[in-house]
Protein backbone atom coordinates (compact mmCIF):
# COMPACT_ATOMS: atom_id res chain seq x y z
CA MET A 1 1.71 -76.59 -76.57
CA ALA A 2 2.42 -73.94 -79.19
CA GLN A 3 1.75 -71.18 -76.67
CA ALA A 4 4.32 -72.68 -74.33
CA LEU A 5 6.91 -72.52 -77.10
CA VAL A 6 6.11 -68.85 -77.71
CA TYR A 7 6.47 -68.09 -73.99
CA THR A 8 9.76 -70.01 -73.86
CA ALA A 9 11.05 -68.13 -76.90
CA ALA A 10 10.10 -64.81 -75.31
CA ALA A 11 11.82 -65.73 -72.05
CA LEU A 12 14.97 -66.81 -73.89
CA LEU A 13 14.93 -63.61 -75.94
CA ILE A 14 14.76 -61.42 -72.85
CA GLY A 15 17.37 -63.48 -70.99
CA ILE A 16 19.90 -63.54 -73.80
CA CYS A 17 19.47 -59.81 -74.39
CA ALA A 18 20.05 -59.13 -70.70
CA LEU A 19 23.12 -61.38 -70.63
CA GLY A 20 24.61 -59.70 -73.69
CA THR A 21 24.02 -56.27 -72.23
CA ALA A 22 25.63 -57.24 -68.93
CA ILE A 23 28.71 -58.53 -70.74
CA GLY A 24 28.83 -55.37 -72.84
CA PHE A 25 28.61 -53.09 -69.81
CA GLY A 26 31.37 -55.04 -68.09
CA GLN A 27 33.69 -54.70 -71.05
CA LEU A 28 32.78 -51.05 -71.53
CA GLY A 29 33.53 -50.16 -67.91
CA GLY A 30 36.75 -52.16 -67.93
CA LYS A 31 38.00 -50.44 -71.07
CA LEU A 32 37.10 -47.03 -69.61
CA LEU A 33 39.18 -47.73 -66.51
CA GLU A 34 42.01 -49.09 -68.61
CA GLY A 35 42.02 -46.06 -70.91
CA SER A 36 41.79 -43.62 -68.01
CA ALA A 37 44.70 -45.33 -66.28
CA ARG A 38 46.85 -45.04 -69.39
CA GLN A 39 45.98 -41.41 -70.14
CA PRO A 40 44.41 -39.66 -67.14
CA GLU A 41 43.99 -36.37 -69.02
CA GLN A 42 41.63 -38.11 -71.46
CA GLY A 43 39.37 -39.34 -68.63
CA PRO A 44 36.49 -36.86 -69.13
CA ALA A 45 36.43 -37.39 -72.90
CA LEU A 46 36.46 -41.15 -72.48
CA GLN A 47 33.72 -40.95 -69.87
CA ALA A 48 31.48 -38.94 -72.20
CA LYS A 49 31.99 -41.50 -74.97
CA MET A 50 31.32 -44.32 -72.53
CA PHE A 51 27.96 -42.82 -71.52
CA LEU A 52 27.02 -42.43 -75.19
CA MET A 53 27.86 -46.08 -75.85
CA ALA A 54 26.03 -47.15 -72.68
CA GLY A 55 22.89 -45.46 -73.96
CA LEU A 56 23.19 -47.28 -77.27
CA LEU A 57 23.89 -50.54 -75.47
CA ASP A 58 20.72 -50.13 -73.41
CA ALA A 59 18.66 -50.19 -76.60
CA VAL A 60 19.37 -53.91 -77.14
CA PRO A 61 17.36 -55.30 -74.20
CA MET A 62 14.59 -52.77 -74.81
CA ILE A 63 14.18 -54.02 -78.36
CA GLY A 64 14.28 -57.62 -77.07
CA VAL A 65 11.58 -56.91 -74.50
CA GLY A 66 9.46 -55.22 -77.17
CA ILE A 67 9.71 -58.23 -79.48
CA ALA A 68 9.01 -60.60 -76.57
CA MET A 69 5.90 -58.63 -75.59
CA PHE A 70 4.75 -58.76 -79.20
CA LEU A 71 5.18 -62.54 -79.16
CA ILE A 72 3.32 -62.92 -75.87
CA PHE A 73 0.43 -60.53 -76.44
CA ALA A 74 -0.07 -60.63 -80.23
CA ILE A 75 1.10 -64.05 -81.41
CA ALA A 76 0.37 -66.39 -78.49
CA PRO A 77 -3.34 -65.50 -77.97
CA GLY A 78 -4.05 -66.28 -81.61
CA MET A 79 -2.77 -69.84 -81.15
CA ALA A 80 -5.40 -70.80 -78.61
């Protein structure tokens, strides 16, 4: 039973991280288009900053997957 809770926690961790990243990418892309529409000459500078933020935003699900794998492979087998 305890292993099932660890697996559920890992699944929730990965899912919530993925959902948060998807929302973040949507807002980031929307703000890029909005800023480029207001000031077209700033488009390349805004795009460079957007790619930098997208790289940082990608770190969130990777950290979540790492913690989930730690829960599954290091914590759960010890509960059996």
